[in-house]
Amino acid sequence: MQDMNVVTLTARLTKDPELRQTRSERSVSTLRVAIQRPSTREGEDRGAVFYDVEVWNGTAENCVRFLSKGSRIGVVGRLELDQWKDEHDVPRQRSYVVANQVNFLDPPPESKNGSEEEPTPAPEPEPEASEEEPASAV
């Protein structure tokens, strides 16, 4: 049996998405999302879990265009792990999700003329984990 690396999340954005460009001018955005933990049997709130979701190319551009803090999204992707040593030579790591698909779960906002604005689909292949680092913010 082949190993699988599939992550599916339904979450809310904790801040507005920002678009960056890589050195090769590919669009990338890191979405910070929160997932509410289920309450205890006694009804006590257990807080939320936070994840970073990396989104590329046209999907990243659409996320920046149509999403904002508090937007609810569905994500299908894969889990990745970055490992490095900090300035004191201490090993560090972070895990994050690389999105293959992002679904906008809130109704689209109404434009000023009263019609609903729809995002355009952007089915593009996702980069491998060895993708270059973003060069700068736009």
N, C-alpha and C. Protein backbone atom coordinates (compact mmCIF):
# COMPACT_ATOMS: atom_id res chain seq x y z
N MET A 1 0.83 -1.17 0.00
CA MET A 1 0.00 0.00 0.00
C MET A 1 0.89 1.25 0.00
N GLN A 2 0.53 2.22 -0.82
CA GLN A 2 1.29 3.46 -0.91
C GLN A 2 0.94 4.39 0.25
N ASP A 3 1.94 5.10 0.79
CA ASP A 3 1.70 6.08 1.84
C ASP A 3 0.89 7.24 1.29
N MET A 4 0.12 7.87 2.17
CA MET A 4 -0.69 9.02 1.75
C MET A 4 -0.37 10.21 2.64
N ASN A 5 -0.40 11.38 2.08
CA ASN A 5 -0.22 12.64 2.80
C ASN A 5 -1.33 13.56 2.34
N VAL A 6 -2.49 13.47 2.97
CA VAL A 6 -3.66 14.26 2.60
C VAL A 6 -4.21 14.92 3.84
N VAL A 7 -4.41 16.22 3.77
CA VAL A 7 -4.97 17.00 4.87
C VAL A 7 -6.23 17.68 4.36
N THR A 8 -7.30 17.62 5.14
CA THR A 8 -8.55 18.32 4.83
C THR A 8 -8.94 19.14 6.05
N LEU A 9 -9.12 20.45 5.86
CA LEU A 9 -9.46 21.35 6.95
C LEU A 9 -10.65 22.22 6.57
N THR A 10 -11.45 22.57 7.55
CA THR A 10 -12.43 23.63 7.43
C THR A 10 -12.10 24.60 8.55
N ALA A 11 -11.84 25.86 8.21
CA ALA A 11 -11.31 26.81 9.18
C ALA A 11 -11.69 28.23 8.82
N ARG A 12 -11.33 29.14 9.70
CA ARG A 12 -11.53 30.58 9.47
C ARG A 12 -10.18 31.28 9.45
N LEU A 13 -10.05 32.28 8.56
CA LEU A 13 -8.81 33.06 8.48
C LEU A 13 -8.67 33.95 9.71
N THR A 14 -7.44 34.01 10.25
CA THR A 14 -7.19 34.86 11.42
C THR A 14 -6.72 36.26 11.03
N LYS A 15 -6.39 36.46 9.74
CA LYS A 15 -6.00 37.78 9.25
C LYS A 15 -6.22 37.82 7.75
N ASP A 16 -6.19 39.01 7.18
CA ASP A 16 -6.33 39.17 5.74
C ASP A 16 -5.14 38.53 5.03
N PRO A 17 -5.38 37.82 3.92
CA PRO A 17 -4.26 37.24 3.16
C PRO A 17 -3.41 38.32 2.50
N GLU A 18 -2.11 38.05 2.38
CA GLU A 18 -1.19 38.95 1.70
C GLU A 18 -0.48 38.18 0.60
N LEU A 19 -0.31 38.82 -0.54
CA LEU A 19 0.33 38.19 -1.69
C LEU A 19 1.81 38.54 -1.72
N ARG A 20 2.66 37.53 -1.98
CA ARG A 20 4.10 37.72 -2.17
C ARG A 20 4.47 37.12 -3.53
N GLN A 21 5.63 37.48 -4.01
CA GLN A 21 6.15 36.95 -5.27
C GLN A 21 7.48 36.28 -5.01
N THR A 22 7.72 35.13 -5.64
CA THR A 22 9.01 34.47 -5.56
C THR A 22 9.97 35.17 -6.53
N ARG A 23 11.22 34.79 -6.47
CA ARG A 23 12.21 35.36 -7.40
C ARG A 23 11.81 35.11 -8.85
N SER A 24 11.15 33.98 -9.10
CA SER A 24 10.70 33.66 -10.46
C SER A 24 9.29 34.20 -10.73
N GLU A 25 8.83 35.11 -9.88
CA GLU A 25 7.57 35.83 -10.04
C GLU A 25 6.33 34.94 -9.95
N ARG A 26 6.41 33.89 -9.15
CA ARG A 26 5.23 33.08 -8.85
C ARG A 26 4.55 33.66 -7.63
N SER A 27 3.21 33.67 -7.64
CA SER A 27 2.44 34.22 -6.52
C SER A 27 2.32 33.18 -5.42
N VAL A 28 2.45 33.63 -4.17
CA VAL A 28 2.30 32.75 -3.01
C VAL A 28 1.68 33.56 -1.87
N SER A 29 0.85 32.90 -1.09
CA SER A 29 0.27 33.50 0.11
C SER A 29 0.23 32.46 1.21
N THR A 30 0.52 32.88 2.43
CA THR A 30 0.40 31.99 3.58
C THR A 30 -0.81 32.43 4.38
N LEU A 31 -1.82 31.57 4.41
CA LEU A 31 -3.05 31.86 5.14
C LEU A 31 -2.91 31.31 6.55
N ARG A 32 -3.17 32.12 7.54
CA ARG A 32 -3.19 31.66 8.94
C ARG A 32 -4.64 31.37 9.27
N VAL A 33 -4.92 30.13 9.68
CA VAL A 33 -6.30 29.73 9.95
C VAL A 33 -6.45 29.21 11.38
N ALA A 34 -7.66 29.30 11.89
CA ALA A 34 -8.00 28.80 13.22
C ALA A 34 -9.12 27.78 13.09
N ILE A 35 -8.99 26.69 13.85
CA ILE A 35 -10.03 25.66 13.91
C ILE A 35 -10.45 25.53 15.36
N GLN A 36 -11.73 25.78 15.61
CA GLN A 36 -12.26 25.72 16.97
C GLN A 36 -12.24 24.28 17.47
N ARG A 37 -11.70 24.05 18.66
CA ARG A 37 -11.73 22.72 19.28
C ARG A 37 -13.13 22.46 19.81
N PRO A 38 -13.56 21.20 19.81
CA PRO A 38 -14.88 20.89 20.36
C PRO A 38 -14.92 21.22 21.86
N SER A 39 -16.08 21.63 22.34
CA SER A 39 -16.27 21.91 23.77
C SER A 39 -16.18 20.61 24.56
N THR A 40 -15.89 20.75 25.85
CA THR A 40 -15.88 19.58 26.73
C THR A 40 -17.32 19.13 26.97
N ARG A 41 -17.48 17.98 27.58
CA ARG A 41 -18.83 17.48 27.90
C ARG A 41 -19.60 18.46 28.77
N GLU A 42 -18.87 19.22 29.58
CA GLU A 42 -19.50 20.20 30.47
C GLU A 42 -19.79 21.52 29.74
N GLY A 43 -19.46 21.60 28.46
CA GLY A 43 -19.72 22.80 27.67
C GLY A 43 -18.62 23.84 27.76
N GLU A 44 -17.49 23.48 28.32
CA GLU A 44 -16.37 24.40 28.47
C GLU A 44 -15.65 24.59 27.14
N ASP A 45 -15.38 25.84 26.80
CA ASP A 45 -14.66 26.16 25.57
C ASP A 45 -13.21 25.74 25.69
N ARG A 46 -12.69 25.02 24.67
CA ARG A 46 -11.30 24.53 24.69
C ARG A 46 -10.40 25.34 23.77
N GLY A 47 -10.87 26.45 23.26
CA GLY A 47 -10.03 27.30 22.42
C GLY A 47 -9.94 26.81 20.99
N ALA A 48 -8.88 27.22 20.32
CA ALA A 48 -8.70 26.91 18.90
C ALA A 48 -7.30 26.39 18.65
N VAL A 49 -7.13 25.75 17.48
CA VAL A 49 -5.83 25.30 16.99
C VAL A 49 -5.54 26.14 15.75
N PHE A 50 -4.28 26.58 15.59
CA PHE A 50 -3.90 27.46 14.49
C PHE A 50 -2.93 26.74 13.55
N TYR A 51 -3.14 26.95 12.24
CA TYR A 51 -2.29 26.34 11.21
C TYR A 51 -1.96 27.37 10.15
N ASP A 52 -0.82 27.19 9.49
CA ASP A 52 -0.48 27.97 8.30
C ASP A 52 -0.80 27.12 7.08
N VAL A 53 -1.38 27.77 6.06
CA VAL A 53 -1.71 27.11 4.80
C VAL A 53 -1.04 27.90 3.68
N GLU A 54 -0.14 27.25 2.94
CA GLU A 54 0.57 27.87 1.83
C GLU A 54 -0.23 27.65 0.55
N VAL A 55 -0.50 28.75 -0.16
CA VAL A 55 -1.31 28.71 -1.38
C VAL A 55 -0.50 29.36 -2.50
N TRP A 56 -0.54 28.76 -3.70
CA TRP A 56 0.31 29.19 -4.81
C TRP A 56 -0.48 29.66 -6.03
N ASN A 57 0.16 30.49 -6.84
CA ASN A 57 -0.25 30.90 -8.18
C ASN A 57 -1.63 31.56 -8.20
N GLY A 58 -2.48 31.19 -9.13
CA GLY A 58 -3.80 31.81 -9.27
C GLY A 58 -4.67 31.61 -8.05
N THR A 59 -4.51 30.47 -7.37
CA THR A 59 -5.29 30.24 -6.15
C THR A 59 -4.91 31.26 -5.09
N ALA A 60 -3.62 31.56 -4.95
CA ALA A 60 -3.17 32.58 -4.00
C ALA A 60 -3.75 33.94 -4.36
N GLU A 61 -3.72 34.28 -5.64
CA GLU A 61 -4.26 35.56 -6.09
C GLU A 61 -5.75 35.67 -5.78
N ASN A 62 -6.50 34.59 -6.01
CA ASN A 62 -7.94 34.61 -5.71
C ASN A 62 -8.20 34.70 -4.21
N CYS A 63 -7.38 34.04 -3.41
CA CYS A 63 -7.55 34.13 -1.96
C CYS A 63 -7.37 35.56 -1.49
N VAL A 64 -6.34 36.25 -2.01
CA VAL A 64 -6.10 37.64 -1.62
C VAL A 64 -7.24 38.53 -2.10
N ARG A 65 -7.76 38.24 -3.27
CA ARG A 65 -8.82 39.07 -3.86
C ARG A 65 -10.16 38.89 -3.15
N PHE A 66 -10.51 37.66 -2.76
CA PHE A 66 -11.86 37.38 -2.29
C PHE A 66 -11.99 37.06 -0.80
N LEU A 67 -10.90 36.83 -0.10
CA LEU A 67 -11.00 36.44 1.31
C LEU A 67 -10.50 37.55 2.22
N SER A 68 -10.97 37.54 3.45
CA SER A 68 -10.52 38.49 4.46
C SER A 68 -10.59 37.81 5.82
N LYS A 69 -10.08 38.49 6.82
CA LYS A 69 -10.08 37.97 8.18
C LYS A 69 -11.50 37.51 8.54
N GLY A 70 -11.61 36.29 9.08
CA GLY A 70 -12.90 35.74 9.47
C GLY A 70 -13.56 34.89 8.39
N SER A 71 -13.06 34.95 7.14
CA SER A 71 -13.64 34.14 6.06
C SER A 71 -13.49 32.66 6.39
N ARG A 72 -14.52 31.90 6.06
CA ARG A 72 -14.49 30.44 6.28
C ARG A 72 -14.07 29.76 4.99
N ILE A 73 -13.08 28.84 5.09
CA ILE A 73 -12.58 28.15 3.91
C ILE A 73 -12.48 26.65 4.18
N GLY A 74 -12.50 25.89 3.10
CA GLY A 74 -12.19 24.47 3.12
C GLY A 74 -10.90 24.28 2.36
N VAL A 75 -10.00 23.49 2.91
CA VAL A 75 -8.68 23.29 2.30
C VAL A 75 -8.42 21.80 2.14
N VAL A 76 -7.92 21.40 0.97
CA VAL A 76 -7.41 20.06 0.76
C VAL A 76 -5.96 20.24 0.31
N GLY A 77 -5.05 19.52 0.97
CA GLY A 77 -3.64 19.67 0.63
C GLY A 77 -2.80 18.59 1.25
N ARG A 78 -1.52 18.92 1.44
CA ARG A 78 -0.58 17.96 2.03
C ARG A 78 0.19 18.65 3.14
N LEU A 79 0.63 17.86 4.10
CA LEU A 79 1.39 18.36 5.22
C LEU A 79 2.88 18.40 4.85
N GLU A 80 3.54 19.52 5.15
CA GLU A 80 4.98 19.68 4.90
C GLU A 80 5.67 20.05 6.20
N LEU A 81 6.98 19.84 6.25
CA LEU A 81 7.77 20.14 7.43
C LEU A 81 9.05 20.85 7.01
N ASP A 82 9.29 22.04 7.60
CA ASP A 82 10.56 22.76 7.41
C ASP A 82 11.40 22.53 8.66
N GLN A 83 12.69 22.29 8.46
CA GLN A 83 13.61 22.11 9.58
C GLN A 83 14.83 22.99 9.34
N TRP A 84 15.33 23.65 10.41
CA TRP A 84 16.48 24.51 10.33
C TRP A 84 17.10 24.67 11.71
N LYS A 85 18.24 25.36 11.75
CA LYS A 85 18.87 25.70 13.03
C LYS A 85 18.84 27.21 13.18
N ASP A 86 18.48 27.68 14.37
CA ASP A 86 18.42 29.13 14.60
C ASP A 86 19.82 29.70 14.83
N GLU A 87 19.89 30.99 15.16
CA GLU A 87 21.19 31.66 15.31
C GLU A 87 22.03 31.09 16.46
N HIS A 88 21.41 30.34 17.38
CA HIS A 88 22.13 29.69 18.48
C HIS A 88 22.37 28.21 18.20
N ASP A 89 22.19 27.81 16.95
CA ASP A 89 22.40 26.43 16.51
C ASP A 89 21.42 25.44 17.16
N VAL A 90 20.25 25.95 17.55
CA VAL A 90 19.21 25.11 18.14
C VAL A 90 18.31 24.61 17.00
N PRO A 91 18.06 23.31 16.90
CA PRO A 91 17.18 22.80 15.85
C PRO A 91 15.75 23.32 16.03
N ARG A 92 15.15 23.76 14.94
CA ARG A 92 13.77 24.25 14.93
C ARG A 92 13.03 23.55 13.80
N GLN A 93 11.71 23.54 13.91
CA GLN A 93 10.89 23.00 12.82
C GLN A 93 9.50 23.62 12.87
N ARG A 94 8.84 23.60 11.73
CA ARG A 94 7.45 24.04 11.65
C ARG A 94 6.74 23.18 10.62
N SER A 95 5.53 22.83 10.92
CA SER A 95 4.72 22.09 9.95
C SER A 95 3.67 23.05 9.41
N TYR A 96 3.26 22.82 8.18
CA TYR A 96 2.26 23.65 7.51
C TYR A 96 1.60 22.82 6.43
N VAL A 97 0.50 23.33 5.92
CA VAL A 97 -0.25 22.66 4.87
C VAL A 97 0.01 23.38 3.55
N VAL A 98 0.34 22.63 2.51
CA VAL A 98 0.42 23.18 1.15
C VAL A 98 -0.90 22.82 0.47
N ALA A 99 -1.67 23.84 0.12
CA ALA A 99 -3.02 23.63 -0.41
C ALA A 99 -2.98 23.21 -1.88
N ASN A 100 -3.75 22.18 -2.19
CA ASN A 100 -4.03 21.81 -3.58
C ASN A 100 -5.33 22.46 -4.04
N GLN A 101 -6.22 22.68 -3.06
CA GLN A 101 -7.55 23.21 -3.36
C GLN A 101 -8.01 24.05 -2.18
N VAL A 102 -8.58 25.23 -2.46
CA VAL A 102 -9.17 26.08 -1.43
C VAL A 102 -10.59 26.39 -1.86
N ASN A 103 -11.56 26.04 -1.02
CA ASN A 103 -12.96 26.34 -1.29
C ASN A 103 -13.40 27.50 -0.41
N PHE A 104 -14.05 28.49 -1.01
CA PHE A 104 -14.56 29.63 -0.27
C PHE A 104 -15.96 29.25 0.24
N LEU A 105 -16.13 29.14 1.54
CA LEU A 105 -17.35 28.61 2.11
C LEU A 105 -18.37 29.68 2.49
N ASP A 106 -17.96 30.94 2.56
CA ASP A 106 -18.89 32.03 2.83
C ASP A 106 -19.51 32.49 1.52
N PRO A 107 -20.73 33.04 1.57
CA PRO A 107 -21.32 33.56 0.33
C PRO A 107 -20.46 34.70 -0.22
N PRO A 108 -20.41 34.86 -1.55
CA PRO A 108 -19.59 35.92 -2.13
C PRO A 108 -20.14 37.29 -1.74
N PRO A 109 -19.26 38.28 -1.59
CA PRO A 109 -19.73 39.63 -1.25
C PRO A 109 -20.47 40.25 -2.42
N GLU A 110 -21.39 41.14 -2.11
CA GLU A 110 -22.11 41.84 -3.17
C GLU A 110 -21.28 43.03 -3.60
N SER A 111 -21.24 43.25 -4.92
CA SER A 111 -20.51 44.41 -5.43
C SER A 111 -21.41 45.64 -5.30
N LYS A 112 -20.86 46.79 -5.63
CA LYS A 112 -21.61 48.05 -5.48
C LYS A 112 -22.83 48.12 -6.37
N ASN A 113 -22.83 47.40 -7.50
CA ASN A 113 -23.98 47.44 -8.39
C ASN A 113 -25.02 46.37 -8.04
N GLY A 114 -24.81 45.65 -6.92
CA GLY A 114 -25.80 44.69 -6.45
C GLY A 114 -25.61 43.28 -6.94
N SER A 115 -24.69 43.04 -7.87
CA SER A 115 -24.46 41.68 -8.35
C SER A 115 -23.38 41.02 -7.51
N GLU A 116 -23.38 39.70 -7.50
CA GLU A 116 -22.39 38.98 -6.73
C GLU A 116 -21.14 38.77 -7.57
N GLU A 117 -19.99 38.99 -6.96
CA GLU A 117 -18.71 38.81 -7.62
C GLU A 117 -18.24 37.39 -7.39
N GLU A 118 -17.93 36.65 -8.44
CA GLU A 118 -17.52 35.25 -8.34
C GLU A 118 -16.03 35.11 -8.61
N PRO A 119 -15.33 34.31 -7.81
CA PRO A 119 -13.92 34.06 -8.10
C PRO A 119 -13.78 33.19 -9.34
N THR A 120 -12.69 33.42 -10.07
CA THR A 120 -12.43 32.58 -11.24
C THR A 120 -11.55 31.42 -10.81
N PRO A 121 -11.86 30.21 -11.28
CA PRO A 121 -11.04 29.06 -10.87
C PRO A 121 -9.63 29.17 -11.44
N ALA A 122 -8.68 28.62 -10.70
CA ALA A 122 -7.29 28.66 -11.13
C ALA A 122 -6.66 27.29 -10.94
N PRO A 123 -7.03 26.31 -11.80
CA PRO A 123 -6.46 24.96 -11.63
C PRO A 123 -5.04 24.91 -12.16
N GLU A 124 -4.08 25.11 -11.27
CA GLU A 124 -2.68 25.07 -11.65
C GLU A 124 -1.97 24.02 -10.82
N PRO A 125 -0.94 23.39 -11.36
CA PRO A 125 -0.20 22.41 -10.56
C PRO A 125 0.49 23.09 -9.40
N GLU A 126 0.54 22.40 -8.27
CA GLU A 126 1.18 22.93 -7.07
C GLU A 126 2.66 22.57 -7.08
N PRO A 127 3.49 23.42 -6.47
CA PRO A 127 4.93 23.15 -6.45
C PRO A 127 5.26 22.03 -5.48
N GLU A 128 6.44 21.46 -5.67
CA GLU A 128 6.93 20.45 -4.74
C GLU A 128 7.47 21.14 -3.50
N ALA A 129 7.76 20.39 -2.46
CA ALA A 129 8.23 20.94 -1.19
C ALA A 129 9.54 21.71 -1.33
N SER A 130 10.33 21.43 -2.34
CA SER A 130 11.62 22.08 -2.52
C SER A 130 11.50 23.40 -3.26
N GLU A 131 10.31 23.94 -3.36
CA GLU A 131 10.05 25.20 -4.05
C GLU A 131 10.86 26.33 -3.43
N GLU A 132 11.21 27.32 -4.24
CA GLU A 132 12.00 28.43 -3.76
C GLU A 132 11.24 29.25 -2.73
N GLU A 133 11.98 30.00 -1.94
CA GLU A 133 11.40 30.85 -0.91
C GLU A 133 10.86 32.12 -1.56
N PRO A 134 9.79 32.70 -1.00
CA PRO A 134 9.29 33.98 -1.53
C PRO A 134 10.37 35.07 -1.41
N ALA A 135 10.44 35.91 -2.42
CA ALA A 135 11.47 36.94 -2.46
C ALA A 135 11.06 38.20 -1.70
N SER A 136 9.82 38.65 -1.88
CA SER A 136 9.40 39.89 -1.23
C SER A 136 7.90 39.98 -1.19
N ALA A 137 7.43 40.88 -0.37
CA ALA A 137 5.98 41.12 -0.26
C ALA A 137 5.57 42.08 -1.35
N VAL A 138 4.34 41.95 -1.82
CA VAL A 138 3.81 42.86 -2.82
C VAL A 138 2.96 43.87 -2.12
